[in-house]
Amino acid sequence: MEHLISAILEIAKENPLGFTVDLTTLKKVTKGISVAYFDTQDSFGEEGLKRVLNHALSHEKKVGGWLNEENEQFYFDSIRIFTNLEEAKQFGRKNKQIAIFDLRELRLIKL
């Protein structure tokens, strides 16, 4: 787990505006629609990252990170990737998300 925490923190440092990564390869996910799980909402700092990693490892094995400019905190989420926009929106609403993210177009989609 410590190796993953260090790797994700380094990726966050190198990508201060945000990232999406596959935990099995530690490579960026560059296509699909990223939707966070409600269970890992409001996770920041090392403790939040540990919670996100535990969730992600038992689910989709994908983690996203983004900078909340309002409070300057870097947030982490366990995420699921979709290829179908309507399915992504439905999952996002079910998980109480206010937005989802199209990784190919680098576009925020408000719900």
PDB file of N, CA and C in Angstrom:
ATOM      1  N   MET A   1       0.824  -1.201   0.000  1.00  0.00           N
ATOM      2  CA  MET A   1       0.000   0.000   0.000  1.00  0.00           C
ATOM      3  C   MET A   1       0.866   1.262   0.000  1.00  0.00           C
ATOM      4  N   GLU A   2       1.961   1.248   0.761  1.00  0.00           N
ATOM      5  CA  GLU A   2       2.828   2.434   0.836  1.00  0.00           C
ATOM      6  C   GLU A   2       3.375   2.812  -0.536  1.00  0.00           C
ATOM      7  N   HIS A   3       3.711   1.780  -1.339  1.00  0.00           N
ATOM      8  CA  HIS A   3       4.214   2.029  -2.697  1.00  0.00           C
ATOM      9  C   HIS A   3       3.152   2.760  -3.526  1.00  0.00           C
ATOM     10  N   LEU A   4       1.896   2.317  -3.439  1.00  0.00           N
ATOM     11  CA  LEU A   4       0.816   2.959  -4.181  1.00  0.00           C
ATOM     12  C   LEU A   4       0.577   4.388  -3.705  1.00  0.00           C
ATOM     13  N   ILE A   5       0.605   4.591  -2.416  1.00  0.00           N
ATOM     14  CA  ILE A   5       0.414   5.942  -1.875  1.00  0.00           C
ATOM     15  C   ILE A   5       1.494   6.873  -2.414  1.00  0.00           C
ATOM     16  N   SER A   6       2.740   6.438  -2.357  1.00  0.00           N
ATOM     17  CA  SER A   6       3.846   7.262  -2.864  1.00  0.00           C
ATOM     18  C   SER A   6       3.697   7.535  -4.356  1.00  0.00           C
ATOM     19  N   ALA A   7       3.331   6.497  -5.112  1.00  0.00           N
ATOM     20  CA  ALA A   7       3.190   6.649  -6.560  1.00  0.00           C
ATOM     21  C   ALA A   7       2.068   7.629  -6.906  1.00  0.00           C
ATOM     22  N   ILE A   8       0.926   7.517  -6.232  1.00  0.00           N
ATOM     23  CA  ILE A   8      -0.201   8.405  -6.525  1.00  0.00           C
ATOM     24  C   ILE A   8       0.117   9.842  -6.093  1.00  0.00           C
ATOM     25  N   LEU A   9       0.765  10.009  -4.965  1.00  0.00           N
ATOM     26  CA  LEU A   9       1.148  11.356  -4.536  1.00  0.00           C
ATOM     27  C   LEU A   9       2.119  11.993  -5.531  1.00  0.00           C
ATOM     28  N   GLU A  10       3.014  11.206  -6.095  1.00  0.00           N
ATOM     29  CA  GLU A  10       3.949  11.710  -7.099  1.00  0.00           C
ATOM     30  C   GLU A  10       3.202  12.086  -8.384  1.00  0.00           C
ATOM     31  N   ILE A  11       2.251  11.249  -8.806  1.00  0.00           N
ATOM     32  CA  ILE A  11       1.436  11.553  -9.986  1.00  0.00           C
ATOM     33  C   ILE A  11       0.656  12.846  -9.754  1.00  0.00           C
ATOM     34  N   ALA A  12       0.100  13.019  -8.558  1.00  0.00           N
ATOM     35  CA  ALA A  12      -0.645  14.237  -8.233  1.00  0.00           C
ATOM     36  C   ALA A  12       0.267  15.464  -8.308  1.00  0.00           C
ATOM     37  N   LYS A  13       1.482  15.312  -7.821  1.00  0.00           N
ATOM     38  CA  LYS A  13       2.453  16.407  -7.846  1.00  0.00           C
ATOM     39  C   LYS A  13       2.794  16.802  -9.290  1.00  0.00           C
ATOM     40  N   GLU A  14       2.913  15.787 -10.160  1.00  0.00           N
ATOM     41  CA  GLU A  14       3.252  16.026 -11.563  1.00  0.00           C
ATOM     42  C   GLU A  14       2.052  16.515 -12.375  1.00  0.00           C
ATOM     43  N   ASN A  15       0.840  16.325 -11.853  1.00  0.00           N
ATOM     44  CA  ASN A  15      -0.390  16.700 -12.561  1.00  0.00           C
ATOM     45  C   ASN A  15      -1.276  17.519 -11.623  1.00  0.00           C
ATOM     46  N   PRO A  16      -0.849  18.736 -11.292  1.00  0.00           N
ATOM     47  CA  PRO A  16      -1.542  19.515 -10.267  1.00  0.00           C
ATOM     48  C   PRO A  16      -2.988  19.889 -10.604  1.00  0.00           C
ATOM     49  N   LEU A  17      -3.366  19.852 -11.861  1.00  0.00           N
ATOM     50  CA  LEU A  17      -4.745  20.186 -12.225  1.00  0.00           C
ATOM     51  C   LEU A  17      -5.662  18.970 -12.183  1.00  0.00           C
ATOM     52  N   GLY A  18      -5.070  17.769 -12.164  1.00  0.00           N
ATOM     53  CA  GLY A  18      -5.880  16.564 -12.083  1.00  0.00           C
ATOM     54  C   GLY A  18      -5.324  15.424 -12.907  1.00  0.00           C
ATOM     55  N   PHE A  19      -5.819  14.225 -12.614  1.00  0.00           N
ATOM     56  CA  PHE A  19      -5.368  13.024 -13.309  1.00  0.00           C
ATOM     57  C   PHE A  19      -6.369  11.894 -13.083  1.00  0.00           C
ATOM     58  N   THR A  20      -6.265  10.885 -13.926  1.00  0.00           N
ATOM     59  CA  THR A  20      -6.987   9.627 -13.748  1.00  0.00           C
ATOM     60  C   THR A  20      -5.984   8.531 -14.059  1.00  0.00           C
ATOM     61  N   VAL A  21      -5.870   7.549 -13.171  1.00  0.00           N
ATOM     62  CA  VAL A  21      -4.842   6.524 -13.333  1.00  0.00           C
ATOM     63  C   VAL A  21      -5.405   5.137 -13.027  1.00  0.00           C
ATOM     64  N   ASP A  22      -4.883   4.157 -13.747  1.00  0.00           N
ATOM     65  CA  ASP A  22      -5.212   2.748 -13.521  1.00  0.00           C
ATOM     66  C   ASP A  22      -4.202   2.209 -12.510  1.00  0.00           C
ATOM     67  N   LEU A  23      -4.681   1.705 -11.400  1.00  0.00           N
ATOM     68  CA  LEU A  23      -3.772   1.233 -10.344  1.00  0.00           C
ATOM     69  C   LEU A  23      -2.985  -0.008 -10.724  1.00  0.00           C
ATOM     70  N   THR A  24      -3.467  -0.784 -11.690  1.00  0.00           N
ATOM     71  CA  THR A  24      -2.742  -2.002 -12.071  1.00  0.00           C
ATOM     72  C   THR A  24      -1.492  -1.694 -12.885  1.00  0.00           C
ATOM     73  N   THR A  25      -1.483  -0.534 -13.565  1.00  0.00           N
ATOM     74  CA  THR A  25      -0.339  -0.173 -14.403  1.00  0.00           C
ATOM     75  C   THR A  25       0.316   1.145 -13.997  1.00  0.00           C
ATOM     76  N   LEU A  26      -0.419   1.938 -13.205  1.00  0.00           N
ATOM     77  CA  LEU A  26      -0.024   3.309 -12.848  1.00  0.00           C
ATOM     78  C   LEU A  26       0.118   4.197 -14.080  1.00  0.00           C
ATOM     79  N   LYS A  27      -0.619   3.856 -15.123  1.00  0.00           N
ATOM     80  CA  LYS A  27      -0.653   4.663 -16.347  1.00  0.00           C
ATOM     81  C   LYS A  27      -1.928   5.496 -16.358  1.00  0.00           C
ATOM     82  N   LYS A  28      -1.848   6.648 -17.011  1.00  0.00           N
ATOM     83  CA  LYS A  28      -3.007   7.522 -17.122  1.00  0.00           C
ATOM     84  C   LYS A  28      -4.090   6.872 -17.974  1.00  0.00           C
ATOM     85  N   VAL A  29      -5.328   7.080 -17.562  1.00  0.00           N
ATOM     86  CA  VAL A  29      -6.481   6.689 -18.363  1.00  0.00           C
ATOM     87  C   VAL A  29      -6.816   7.911 -19.210  1.00  0.00           C
ATOM     88  N   THR A  30      -6.880   7.741 -20.537  1.00  0.00           N
ATOM     89  CA  THR A  30      -7.033   8.890 -21.419  1.00  0.00           C
ATOM     90  C   THR A  30      -8.327   8.889 -22.226  1.00  0.00           C
ATOM     91  N   LYS A  31      -9.163   7.874 -22.028  1.00  0.00           N
ATOM     92  CA  LYS A  31     -10.440   7.882 -22.750  1.00  0.00           C
ATOM     93  C   LYS A  31     -11.532   7.321 -21.855  1.00  0.00           C
ATOM     94  N   GLY A  32     -12.756   7.683 -22.204  1.00  0.00           N
ATOM     95  CA  GLY A  32     -13.896   7.276 -21.409  1.00  0.00           C
ATOM     96  C   GLY A  32     -14.388   8.429 -20.551  1.00  0.00           C
ATOM     97  N   ILE A  33     -15.412   8.142 -19.786  1.00  0.00           N
ATOM     98  CA  ILE A  33     -16.011   9.147 -18.917  1.00  0.00           C
ATOM     99  C   ILE A  33     -15.799   8.710 -17.473  1.00  0.00           C
ATOM    100  N   SER A  34     -15.149   9.541 -16.720  1.00  0.00           N
ATOM    101  CA  SER A  34     -14.772   9.257 -15.339  1.00  0.00           C
ATOM    102  C   SER A  34     -15.893   9.708 -14.399  1.00  0.00           C
ATOM    103  N   VAL A  35     -16.320   8.769 -13.537  1.00  0.00           N
ATOM    104  CA  VAL A  35     -17.367   9.067 -12.564  1.00  0.00           C
ATOM    105  C   VAL A  35     -16.920   8.544 -11.198  1.00  0.00           C
ATOM    106  N   ALA A  36     -16.983   9.403 -10.198  1.00  0.00           N
ATOM    107  CA  ALA A  36     -16.537   9.033  -8.854  1.00  0.00           C
ATOM    108  C   ALA A  36     -17.620   8.280  -8.094  1.00  0.00           C
ATOM    109  N   TYR A  37     -17.168   7.409  -7.217  1.00  0.00           N
ATOM    110  CA  TYR A  37     -18.056   6.726  -6.282  1.00  0.00           C
ATOM    111  C   TYR A  37     -18.351   7.652  -5.109  1.00  0.00           C
ATOM    112  N   PHE A  38     -19.598   7.649  -4.661  1.00  0.00           N
ATOM    113  CA  PHE A  38     -19.996   8.447  -3.501  1.00  0.00           C
ATOM    114  C   PHE A  38     -19.187   8.055  -2.261  1.00  0.00           C
ATOM    115  N   ASP A  39     -18.871   6.765  -2.135  1.00  0.00           N
ATOM    116  CA  ASP A  39     -18.170   6.245  -0.956  1.00  0.00           C
ATOM    117  C   ASP A  39     -16.825   6.918  -0.689  1.00  0.00           C
ATOM    118  N   THR A  40     -16.223   7.506  -1.714  1.00  0.00           N
ATOM    119  CA  THR A  40     -14.903   8.124  -1.514  1.00  0.00           C
ATOM    120  C   THR A  40     -14.955   9.643  -1.683  1.00  0.00           C
ATOM    121  N   GLN A  41     -16.128  10.201  -1.675  1.00  0.00           N
ATOM    122  CA  GLN A  41     -16.281  11.643  -1.803  1.00  0.00           C
ATOM    123  C   GLN A  41     -15.611  12.360  -0.631  1.00  0.00           C
ATOM    124  N   ASP A  42     -15.102  13.536  -0.896  1.00  0.00           N
ATOM    125  CA  ASP A  42     -14.447  14.377   0.112  1.00  0.00           C
ATOM    126  C   ASP A  42     -13.216  13.718   0.733  1.00  0.00           C
ATOM    127  N   SER A  43     -12.432  13.037  -0.091  1.00  0.00           N
ATOM    128  CA  SER A  43     -11.197  12.399   0.378  1.00  0.00           C
ATOM    129  C   SER A  43     -10.005  13.241  -0.059  1.00  0.00           C
ATOM    130  N   PHE A  44      -9.234  13.698   0.905  1.00  0.00           N
ATOM    131  CA  PHE A  44      -8.040  14.474   0.585  1.00  0.00           C
ATOM    132  C   PHE A  44      -6.962  14.170   1.621  1.00  0.00           C
ATOM    133  N   GLY A  45      -5.741  14.538   1.280  1.00  0.00           N
ATOM    134  CA  GLY A  45      -4.615  14.226   2.153  1.00  0.00           C
ATOM    135  C   GLY A  45      -4.285  12.738   2.116  1.00  0.00           C
ATOM    136  N   GLU A  46      -3.282  12.354   2.873  1.00  0.00           N
ATOM    137  CA  GLU A  46      -2.829  10.958   2.849  1.00  0.00           C
ATOM    138  C   GLU A  46      -3.875  10.001   3.409  1.00  0.00           C
ATOM    139  N   GLU A  47      -4.582  10.392   4.458  1.00  0.00           N
ATOM    140  CA  GLU A  47      -5.626   9.518   5.016  1.00  0.00           C
ATOM    141  C   GLU A  47      -6.756   9.309   4.013  1.00  0.00           C
ATOM    142  N   GLY A  48      -7.142  10.378   3.340  1.00  0.00           N
ATOM    143  CA  GLY A  48      -8.180  10.272   2.312  1.00  0.00           C
ATOM    144  C   GLY A  48      -7.729   9.400   1.164  1.00  0.00           C
ATOM    145  N   LEU A  49      -6.479   9.542   0.774  1.00  0.00           N
ATOM    146  CA  LEU A  49      -5.937   8.719  -0.317  1.00  0.00           C
ATOM    147  C   LEU A  49      -5.943   7.244   0.066  1.00  0.00           C
ATOM    148  N   LYS A  50      -5.597   6.918   1.302  1.00  0.00           N
ATOM    149  CA  LYS A  50      -5.627   5.515   1.749  1.00  0.00           C
ATOM    150  C   LYS A  50      -7.040   4.943   1.619  1.00  0.00           C
ATOM    151  N   ARG A  51      -8.026   5.720   2.016  1.00  0.00           N
ATOM    152  CA  ARG A  51      -9.422   5.277   1.924  1.00  0.00           C
ATOM    153  C   ARG A  51      -9.804   5.047   0.458  1.00  0.00           C
ATOM    154  N   VAL A  52      -9.408   5.963  -0.410  1.00  0.00           N
ATOM    155  CA  VAL A  52      -9.696   5.856  -1.839  1.00  0.00           C
ATOM    156  C   VAL A  52      -9.023   4.617  -2.429  1.00  0.00           C
ATOM    157  N   LEU A  53      -7.760   4.402  -2.084  1.00  0.00           N
ATOM    158  CA  LEU A  53      -7.041   3.236  -2.619  1.00  0.00           C
ATOM    159  C   LEU A  53      -7.682   1.930  -2.165  1.00  0.00           C
ATOM    160  N   ASN A  54      -8.064   1.845  -0.902  1.00  0.00           N
ATOM    161  CA  ASN A  54      -8.730   0.631  -0.414  1.00  0.00           C
ATOM    162  C   ASN A  54     -10.011   0.363  -1.196  1.00  0.00           C
ATOM    163  N   HIS A  55     -10.778   1.399  -1.439  1.00  0.00           N
ATOM    164  CA  HIS A  55     -12.022   1.246  -2.199  1.00  0.00           C
ATOM    165  C   HIS A  55     -11.717   0.854  -3.639  1.00  0.00           C
ATOM    166  N   ALA A  56     -10.808   1.583  -4.270  1.00  0.00           N
ATOM    167  CA  ALA A  56     -10.485   1.337  -5.681  1.00  0.00           C
ATOM    168  C   ALA A  56      -9.945  -0.079  -5.904  1.00  0.00           C
ATOM    169  N   LEU A  57      -9.125  -0.548  -5.001  1.00  0.00           N
ATOM    170  CA  LEU A  57      -8.546  -1.889  -5.156  1.00  0.00           C
ATOM    171  C   LEU A  57      -9.602  -2.993  -5.084  1.00  0.00           C
ATOM    172  N   SER A  58     -10.716  -2.715  -4.423  1.00  0.00           N
ATOM    173  CA  SER A  58     -11.775  -3.721  -4.357  1.00  0.00           C
ATOM    174  C   SER A  58     -12.908  -3.432  -5.345  1.00  0.00           C
ATOM    175  N   HIS A  59     -12.733  -2.408  -6.192  1.00  0.00           N
ATOM    176  CA  HIS A  59     -13.750  -2.080  -7.192  1.00  0.00           C
ATOM    177  C   HIS A  59     -13.119  -2.020  -8.580  1.00  0.00           C
ATOM    178  N   GLU A  60     -13.014  -0.848  -9.146  1.00  0.00           N
ATOM    179  CA  GLU A  60     -12.572  -0.700 -10.544  1.00  0.00           C
ATOM    180  C   GLU A  60     -11.057  -0.544 -10.736  1.00  0.00           C
ATOM    181  N   LYS A  61     -10.333  -0.348  -9.638  1.00  0.00           N
ATOM    182  CA  LYS A  61      -8.874  -0.155  -9.685  1.00  0.00           C
ATOM    183  C   LYS A  61      -8.464   1.092 -10.474  1.00  0.00           C
ATOM    184  N   LYS A  62      -9.322   2.130 -10.365  1.00  0.00           N
ATOM    185  CA  LYS A  62      -9.035   3.416 -11.004  1.00  0.00           C
ATOM    186  C   LYS A  62      -9.167   4.516  -9.952  1.00  0.00           C
ATOM    187  N   VAL A  63      -8.244   5.475 -10.019  1.00  0.00           N
ATOM    188  CA  VAL A  63      -8.239   6.590  -9.072  1.00  0.00           C
ATOM    189  C   VAL A  63      -8.101   7.889  -9.859  1.00  0.00           C
ATOM    190  N   GLY A  64      -8.869   8.879  -9.424  1.00  0.00           N
ATOM    191  CA  GLY A  64      -8.762  10.202 -10.003  1.00  0.00           C
ATOM    192  C   GLY A  64      -8.363  11.191  -8.931  1.00  0.00           C
ATOM    193  N   GLY A  65      -7.772  12.268  -9.360  1.00  0.00           N
ATOM    194  CA  GLY A  65      -7.406  13.332  -8.440  1.00  0.00           C
ATOM    195  C   GLY A  65      -7.627  14.668  -9.105  1.00  0.00           C
ATOM    196  N   TRP A  66      -8.000  15.657  -8.305  1.00  0.00           N
ATOM    197  CA  TRP A  66      -8.254  16.987  -8.845  1.00  0.00           C
ATOM    198  C   TRP A  66      -8.080  18.040  -7.763  1.00  0.00           C
ATOM    199  N   LEU A  67      -7.714  19.224  -8.199  1.00  0.00           N
ATOM    200  CA  LEU A  67      -7.502  20.335  -7.285  1.00  0.00           C
ATOM    201  C   LEU A  67      -8.794  21.127  -7.142  1.00  0.00           C
ATOM    202  N   ASN A  68      -9.264  21.257  -5.923  1.00  0.00           N
ATOM    203  CA  ASN A  68     -10.416  22.096  -5.628  1.00  0.00           C
ATOM    204  C   ASN A  68      -9.872  23.509  -5.411  1.00  0.00           C
ATOM    205  N   GLU A  69     -10.099  24.364  -6.378  1.00  0.00           N
ATOM    206  CA  GLU A  69      -9.532  25.717  -6.316  1.00  0.00           C
ATOM    207  C   GLU A  69     -10.156  26.564  -5.226  1.00  0.00           C
ATOM    208  N   GLU A  70     -11.348  26.191  -4.771  1.00  0.00           N
ATOM    209  CA  GLU A  70     -12.010  26.964  -3.723  1.00  0.00           C
ATOM    210  C   GLU A  70     -11.289  26.863  -2.383  1.00  0.00           C
ATOM    211  N   ASN A  71     -10.774  25.663  -2.070  1.00  0.00           N
ATOM    212  CA  ASN A  71     -10.097  25.498  -0.773  1.00  0.00           C
ATOM    213  C   ASN A  71      -8.640  25.066  -0.909  1.00  0.00           C
ATOM    214  N   GLU A  72      -8.148  24.963  -2.153  1.00  0.00           N
ATOM    215  CA  GLU A  72      -6.754  24.596  -2.438  1.00  0.00           C
ATOM    216  C   GLU A  72      -6.392  23.183  -1.969  1.00  0.00           C
ATOM    217  N   GLN A  73      -7.384  22.334  -1.741  1.00  0.00           N
ATOM    218  CA  GLN A  73      -7.140  20.936  -1.357  1.00  0.00           C
ATOM    219  C   GLN A  73      -7.128  20.070  -2.615  1.00  0.00           C
ATOM    220  N   PHE A  74      -6.242  19.075  -2.645  1.00  0.00           N
ATOM    221  CA  PHE A  74      -6.212  18.106  -3.733  1.00  0.00           C
ATOM    222  C   PHE A  74      -7.049  16.909  -3.284  1.00  0.00           C
ATOM    223  N   TYR A  75      -8.100  16.626  -4.026  1.00  0.00           N
ATOM    224  CA  TYR A  75      -9.040  15.550  -3.686  1.00  0.00           C
ATOM    225  C   TYR A  75      -8.738  14.303  -4.502  1.00  0.00           C
ATOM    226  N   PHE A  76      -9.022  13.148  -3.910  1.00  0.00           N
ATOM    227  CA  PHE A  76      -8.858  11.858  -4.575  1.00  0.00           C
ATOM    228  C   PHE A  76     -10.202  11.141  -4.587  1.00  0.00           C
ATOM    229  N   ASP A  77     -10.453  10.380  -5.652  1.00  0.00           N
ATOM    230  CA  ASP A  77     -11.686   9.606  -5.777  1.00  0.00           C
ATOM    231  C   ASP A  77     -11.394   8.229  -6.343  1.00  0.00           C
ATOM    232  N   SER A  78     -12.133   7.249  -5.861  1.00  0.00           N
ATOM    233  CA  SER A  78     -12.196   5.955  -6.530  1.00  0.00           C
ATOM    234  C   SER A  78     -13.210   6.154  -7.651  1.00  0.00           C
ATOM    235  N   ILE A  79     -12.839   5.784  -8.868  1.00  0.00           N
ATOM    236  CA  ILE A  79     -13.712   6.087  -9.993  1.00  0.00           C
ATOM    237  C   ILE A  79     -14.009   4.867 -10.855  1.00  0.00           C
ATOM    238  N   ARG A  80     -15.039   5.044 -11.647  1.00  0.00           N
ATOM    239  CA  ARG A  80     -15.438   4.054 -12.642  1.00  0.00           C
ATOM    240  C   ARG A  80     -15.424   4.758 -13.995  1.00  0.00           C
ATOM    241  N   ILE A  81     -14.944   4.053 -15.024  1.00  0.00           N
ATOM    242  CA  ILE A  81     -14.855   4.608 -16.370  1.00  0.00           C
ATOM    243  C   ILE A  81     -15.995   4.040 -17.218  1.00  0.00           C
ATOM    244  N   PHE A  82     -16.671   4.918 -17.930  1.00  0.00           N
ATOM    245  CA  PHE A  82     -17.767   4.534 -18.814  1.00  0.00           C
ATOM    246  C   PHE A  82     -17.445   4.905 -20.251  1.00  0.00           C
ATOM    247  N   THR A  83     -18.014   4.161 -21.188  1.00  0.00           N
ATOM    248  CA  THR A  83     -17.926   4.533 -22.602  1.00  0.00           C
ATOM    249  C   THR A  83     -19.249   5.127 -23.081  1.00  0.00           C
ATOM    250  N   ASN A  84     -20.330   4.900 -22.343  1.00  0.00           N
ATOM    251  CA  ASN A  84     -21.650   5.379 -22.700  1.00  0.00           C
ATOM    252  C   ASN A  84     -22.018   6.569 -21.807  1.00  0.00           C
ATOM    253  N   LEU A  85     -22.290   7.713 -22.421  1.00  0.00           N
ATOM    254  CA  LEU A  85     -22.561   8.936 -21.674  1.00  0.00           C
ATOM    255  C   LEU A  85     -23.798   8.811 -20.787  1.00  0.00           C
ATOM    256  N   GLU A  86     -24.861   8.230 -21.291  1.00  0.00           N
ATOM    257  CA  GLU A  86     -26.083   8.112 -20.488  1.00  0.00           C
ATOM    258  C   GLU A  86     -25.876   7.224 -19.275  1.00  0.00           C
ATOM    259  N   GLU A  87     -25.141   6.124 -19.438  1.00  0.00           N
ATOM    260  CA  GLU A  87     -24.834   5.256 -18.298  1.00  0.00           C
ATOM    261  C   GLU A  87     -23.967   5.994 -17.283  1.00  0.00           C
ATOM    262  N   ALA A  88     -23.019   6.786 -17.777  1.00  0.00           N
ATOM    263  CA  ALA A  88     -22.152   7.563 -16.891  1.00  0.00           C
ATOM    264  C   ALA A  88     -22.977   8.574 -16.099  1.00  0.00           C
ATOM    265  N   LYS A  89     -23.897   9.249 -16.774  1.00  0.00           N
ATOM    266  CA  LYS A  89     -24.746  10.233 -16.088  1.00  0.00           C
ATOM    267  C   LYS A  89     -25.608   9.558 -15.027  1.00  0.00           C
ATOM    268  N   GLN A  90     -26.175   8.414 -15.377  1.00  0.00           N
ATOM    269  CA  GLN A  90     -27.030   7.686 -14.439  1.00  0.00           C
ATOM    270  C   GLN A  90     -26.236   7.270 -13.193  1.00  0.00           C
ATOM    271  N   PHE A  91     -25.040   6.721 -13.400  1.00  0.00           N
ATOM    272  CA  PHE A  91     -24.181   6.316 -12.284  1.00  0.00           C
ATOM    273  C   PHE A  91     -23.777   7.538 -11.462  1.00  0.00           C
ATOM    274  N   GLY A  92     -23.473   8.645 -12.135  1.00  0.00           N
ATOM    275  CA  GLY A  92     -23.100   9.870 -11.447  1.00  0.00           C
ATOM    276  C   GLY A  92     -24.216  10.381 -10.550  1.00  0.00           C
ATOM    277  N   ARG A  93     -25.429  10.383 -11.075  1.00  0.00           N
ATOM    278  CA  ARG A  93     -26.567  10.841 -10.259  1.00  0.00           C
ATOM    279  C   ARG A  93     -26.785   9.904  -9.074  1.00  0.00           C
ATOM    280  N   LYS A  94     -26.697   8.605  -9.321  1.00  0.00           N
ATOM    281  CA  LYS A  94     -26.873   7.614  -8.255  1.00  0.00           C
ATOM    282  C   LYS A  94     -25.832   7.819  -7.151  1.00  0.00           C
ATOM    283  N   ASN A  95     -24.636   8.250  -7.538  1.00  0.00           N
ATOM    284  CA  ASN A  95     -23.549   8.464  -6.587  1.00  0.00           C
ATOM    285  C   ASN A  95     -23.428   9.922  -6.146  1.00  0.00           C
ATOM    286  N   LYS A  96     -24.492  10.691  -6.358  1.00  0.00           N
ATOM    287  CA  LYS A  96     -24.601  12.072  -5.864  1.00  0.00           C
ATOM    288  C   LYS A  96     -23.467  12.987  -6.334  1.00  0.00           C
ATOM    289  N   GLN A  97     -23.061  12.816  -7.595  1.00  0.00           N
ATOM    290  CA  GLN A  97     -22.015  13.659  -8.164  1.00  0.00           C
ATOM    291  C   GLN A  97     -22.640  14.900  -8.796  1.00  0.00           C
ATOM    292  N   ILE A  98     -21.933  16.016  -8.752  1.00  0.00           N
ATOM    293  CA  ILE A  98     -22.434  17.222  -9.402  1.00  0.00           C
ATOM    294  C   ILE A  98     -21.886  17.341 -10.826  1.00  0.00           C
ATOM    295  N   ALA A  99     -20.837  16.548 -11.125  1.00  0.00           N
ATOM    296  CA  ALA A  99     -20.260  16.558 -12.467  1.00  0.00           C
ATOM    297  C   ALA A  99     -19.490  15.252 -12.702  1.00  0.00           C
ATOM    298  N   ILE A 100     -19.312  14.952 -13.984  1.00  0.00           N
ATOM    299  CA  ILE A 100     -18.486  13.824 -14.418  1.00  0.00           C
ATOM    300  C   ILE A 100     -17.486  14.394 -15.416  1.00  0.00           C
ATOM    301  N   PHE A 101     -16.512  13.587 -15.855  1.00  0.00           N
ATOM    302  CA  PHE A 101     -15.447  14.149 -16.681  1.00  0.00           C
ATOM    303  C   PHE A 101     -15.162  13.271 -17.888  1.00  0.00           C
ATOM    304  N   ASP A 102     -15.219  13.874 -19.074  1.00  0.00           N
ATOM    305  CA  ASP A 102     -14.884  13.188 -20.321  1.00  0.00           C
ATOM    306  C   ASP A 102     -13.373  13.287 -20.509  1.00  0.00           C
ATOM    307  N   LEU A 103     -12.692  12.156 -20.388  1.00  0.00           N
ATOM    308  CA  LEU A 103     -11.230  12.142 -20.423  1.00  0.00           C
ATOM    309  C   LEU A 103     -10.655  12.415 -21.812  1.00  0.00           C
ATOM    310  N   ARG A 104     -11.350  11.996 -22.856  1.00  0.00           N
ATOM    311  CA  ARG A 104     -10.839  12.219 -24.212  1.00  0.00           C
ATOM    312  C   ARG A 104     -10.928  13.698 -24.595  1.00  0.00           C
ATOM    313  N   GLU A 105     -12.091  14.300 -24.277  1.00  0.00           N
ATOM    314  CA  GLU A 105     -12.327  15.700 -24.633  1.00  0.00           C
ATOM    315  C   GLU A 105     -11.837  16.682 -23.557  1.00  0.00           C
ATOM    316  N   LEU A 106     -11.399  16.137 -22.403  1.00  0.00           N
ATOM    317  CA  LEU A 106     -10.971  16.944 -21.263  1.00  0.00           C
ATOM    318  C   LEU A 106     -12.052  17.988 -20.935  1.00  0.00           C
ATOM    319  N   ARG A 107     -13.282  17.458 -20.734  1.00  0.00           N
ATOM    320  CA  ARG A 107     -14.456  18.305 -20.554  1.00  0.00           C
ATOM    321  C   ARG A 107     -15.267  17.860 -19.350  1.00  0.00           C
ATOM    322  N   LEU A 108     -15.580  18.831 -18.495  1.00  0.00           N
ATOM    323  CA  LEU A 108     -16.442  18.603 -17.348  1.00  0.00           C
ATOM    324  C   LEU A 108     -17.886  18.609 -17.826  1.00  0.00           C
ATOM    325  N   ILE A 109     -18.656  17.612 -17.373  1.00  0.00           N
ATOM    326  CA  ILE A 109     -20.070  17.506 -17.737  1.00  0.00           C
ATOM    327  C   ILE A 109     -20.868  17.640 -16.452  1.00  0.00           C
ATOM    328  N   LYS A 110     -21.567  18.767 -16.321  1.00  0.00           N
ATOM    329  CA  LYS A 110     -22.377  18.986 -15.107  1.00  0.00           C
ATOM    330  C   LYS A 110     -23.633  18.139 -15.161  1.00  0.00           C
ATOM    331  N   LEU A 111     -24.018  17.634 -13.996  1.00  0.00           N
ATOM    332  CA  LEU A 111     -25.225  16.801 -13.925  1.00  0.00           C
ATOM    333  C   LEU A 111     -26.400  17.586 -13.352  1.00  0.00           C
TER     334      LEU A 111
END
